Amino acid sequence: MDHAMPRLKRAYGQLAGIMNMIESDRDCSDVLTQLAAVSKAIDRAAFSIISSGLEQCFINPESTEQDRARLEKLFHAFA
């Protein structure tokens, strides 16, 4: 999951910036643009984590159908 940390840290910083924008009464469209960027960063981090899980599932011959079903459920939560 370490590979997702840079994206999550960036999203964390962007979110703090958004909160400052709101407190400063910045234009709504600017705030929404930044919210979309944070949302995309979080989605990409989530898909990165899920893809690692899928990779491990295929590499690990002991993975079960239940493991695959769990990953599929997580994938659909973000799709």
C-alpha atoms as a PDB file:
ATOM      1  CA  MET A   1       0.000   0.000   0.000  1.00  0.00           C
ATOM      2  CA  ASP A   2       3.026   2.281   0.210  1.00  0.00           C
ATOM      3  CA  HIS A   3       2.619   3.165  -3.465  1.00  0.00           C
ATOM      4  CA  ALA A   4      -0.714   4.837  -2.667  1.00  0.00           C
ATOM      5  CA  MET A   5       0.718   7.092   0.053  1.00  0.00           C
ATOM      6  CA  PRO A   6       1.975   9.912  -2.220  1.00  0.00           C
ATOM      7  CA  ARG A   7      -1.473  10.241  -3.786  1.00  0.00           C
ATOM      8  CA  LEU A   8      -3.176  10.201  -0.402  1.00  0.00           C
ATOM      9  CA  LYS A   9      -0.765  12.785   1.013  1.00  0.00           C
ATOM     10  CA  ARG A  10      -1.403  15.018  -1.982  1.00  0.00           C
ATOM     11  CA  ALA A  11      -5.164  14.629  -1.505  1.00  0.00           C
ATOM     12  CA  TYR A  12      -4.764  15.440   2.183  1.00  0.00           C
ATOM     13  CA  GLY A  13      -2.973  18.674   1.328  1.00  0.00           C
ATOM     14  CA  GLN A  14      -5.541  19.552  -1.316  1.00  0.00           C
ATOM     15  CA  LEU A  15      -8.349  18.966   1.162  1.00  0.00           C
ATOM     16  CA  ALA A  16      -6.732  21.320   3.669  1.00  0.00           C
ATOM     17  CA  GLY A  17      -6.474  23.883   0.880  1.00  0.00           C
ATOM     18  CA  ILE A  18     -10.152  23.453   0.068  1.00  0.00           C
ATOM     19  CA  MET A  19     -11.089  24.041   3.678  1.00  0.00           C
ATOM     20  CA  ASN A  20      -9.059  27.280   3.616  1.00  0.00           C
ATOM     21  CA  MET A  21     -10.756  28.275   0.366  1.00  0.00           C
ATOM     22  CA  ILE A  22     -14.183  27.814   1.944  1.00  0.00           C
ATOM     23  CA  GLU A  23     -13.170  29.777   5.046  1.00  0.00           C
ATOM     24  CA  SER A  24     -11.912  32.564   2.752  1.00  0.00           C
ATOM     25  CA  ASP A  25     -15.207  32.625   0.843  1.00  0.00           C
ATOM     26  CA  ARG A  26     -13.548  31.669  -2.437  1.00  0.00           C
ATOM     27  CA  ASP A  27     -15.613  31.256  -5.563  1.00  0.00           C
ATOM     28  CA  CYS A  28     -17.771  28.135  -5.561  1.00  0.00           C
ATOM     29  CA  SER A  29     -16.482  26.963  -8.944  1.00  0.00           C
ATOM     30  CA  ASP A  30     -12.876  27.102  -7.674  1.00  0.00           C
ATOM     31  CA  VAL A  31     -13.815  25.035  -4.633  1.00  0.00           C
ATOM     32  CA  LEU A  32     -15.662  22.473  -6.754  1.00  0.00           C
ATOM     33  CA  THR A  33     -12.718  22.183  -9.142  1.00  0.00           C
ATOM     34  CA  GLN A  34     -10.424  21.388  -6.240  1.00  0.00           C
ATOM     35  CA  LEU A  35     -12.935  18.937  -4.750  1.00  0.00           C
ATOM     36  CA  ALA A  36     -13.015  17.085  -8.064  1.00  0.00           C
ATOM     37  CA  ALA A  37      -9.211  16.874  -8.018  1.00  0.00           C
ATOM     38  CA  VAL A  38      -9.212  15.470  -4.472  1.00  0.00           C
ATOM     39  CA  SER A  39     -11.891  12.965  -5.374  1.00  0.00           C
ATOM     40  CA  LYS A  40      -9.892  11.786  -8.379  1.00  0.00           C
ATOM     41  CA  ALA A  41      -6.700  11.464  -6.317  1.00  0.00           C
ATOM     42  CA  ILE A  42      -8.489   9.346  -3.715  1.00  0.00           C
ATOM     43  CA  ASP A  43     -10.088   7.176  -6.400  1.00  0.00           C
ATOM     44  CA  ARG A  44      -6.702   6.580  -8.026  1.00  0.00           C
ATOM     45  CA  ALA A  45      -5.171   5.623  -4.686  1.00  0.00           C
ATOM     46  CA  ALA A  46      -8.031   3.202  -4.051  1.00  0.00           C
ATOM     47  CA  PHE A  47      -7.715   1.602  -7.489  1.00  0.00           C
ATOM     48  CA  SER A  48      -3.968   1.292  -6.961  1.00  0.00           C
ATOM     49  CA  ILE A  49      -4.537  -0.571  -3.702  1.00  0.00           C
ATOM     50  CA  ILE A  50      -7.197  -2.774  -5.278  1.00  0.00           C
ATOM     51  CA  SER A  51      -4.978  -3.614  -8.247  1.00  0.00           C
ATOM     52  CA  SER A  52      -2.224  -4.693  -5.851  1.00  0.00           C
ATOM     53  CA  GLY A  53      -4.716  -6.979  -4.167  1.00  0.00           C
ATOM     54  CA  LEU A  54      -5.732  -8.437  -7.509  1.00  0.00           C
ATOM     55  CA  GLU A  55      -2.114  -8.979  -8.436  1.00  0.00           C
ATOM     56  CA  GLN A  56      -1.466 -10.810  -5.172  1.00  0.00           C
ATOM     57  CA  CYS A  57      -4.569 -12.899  -5.753  1.00  0.00           C
ATOM     58  CA  PHE A  58      -3.284 -14.107  -9.093  1.00  0.00           C
ATOM     59  CA  ILE A  59       0.259 -14.661  -7.853  1.00  0.00           C
ATOM     60  CA  ASN A  60      -0.853 -16.544  -4.756  1.00  0.00           C
ATOM     61  CA  PRO A  61      -2.012 -20.008  -5.806  1.00  0.00           C
ATOM     62  CA  GLU A  62      -3.659 -20.445  -2.408  1.00  0.00           C
ATOM     63  CA  SER A  63      -6.116 -17.585  -2.918  1.00  0.00           C
ATOM     64  CA  THR A  64      -9.695 -18.692  -2.727  1.00  0.00           C
ATOM     65  CA  GLU A  65     -12.818 -17.775  -4.602  1.00  0.00           C
ATOM     66  CA  GLN A  66     -13.860 -15.921  -1.455  1.00  0.00           C
ATOM     67  CA  ASP A  67     -10.702 -13.765  -1.704  1.00  0.00           C
ATOM     68  CA  ARG A  68     -11.523 -12.929  -5.308  1.00  0.00           C
ATOM     69  CA  ALA A  69     -15.143 -12.143  -4.445  1.00  0.00           C
ATOM     70  CA  ARG A  70     -14.004  -9.801  -1.679  1.00  0.00           C
ATOM     71  CA  LEU A  71     -11.710  -7.933  -4.076  1.00  0.00           C
ATOM     72  CA  GLU A  72     -14.475  -7.707  -6.657  1.00  0.00           C
ATOM     73  CA  LYS A  73     -16.787  -6.199  -4.058  1.00  0.00           C
ATOM     74  CA  LEU A  74     -14.138  -3.614  -3.134  1.00  0.00           C
ATOM     75  CA  PHE A  75     -13.554  -2.803  -6.787  1.00  0.00           C
ATOM     76  CA  HIS A  76     -17.273  -2.204  -7.378  1.00  0.00           C
ATOM     77  CA  ALA A  77     -17.437   0.065  -4.332  1.00  0.00           C
ATOM     78  CA  PHE A  78     -15.152   2.476  -6.196  1.00  0.00           C
ATOM     79  CA  ALA A  79     -16.332   1.912  -9.749  1.00  0.00           C
END
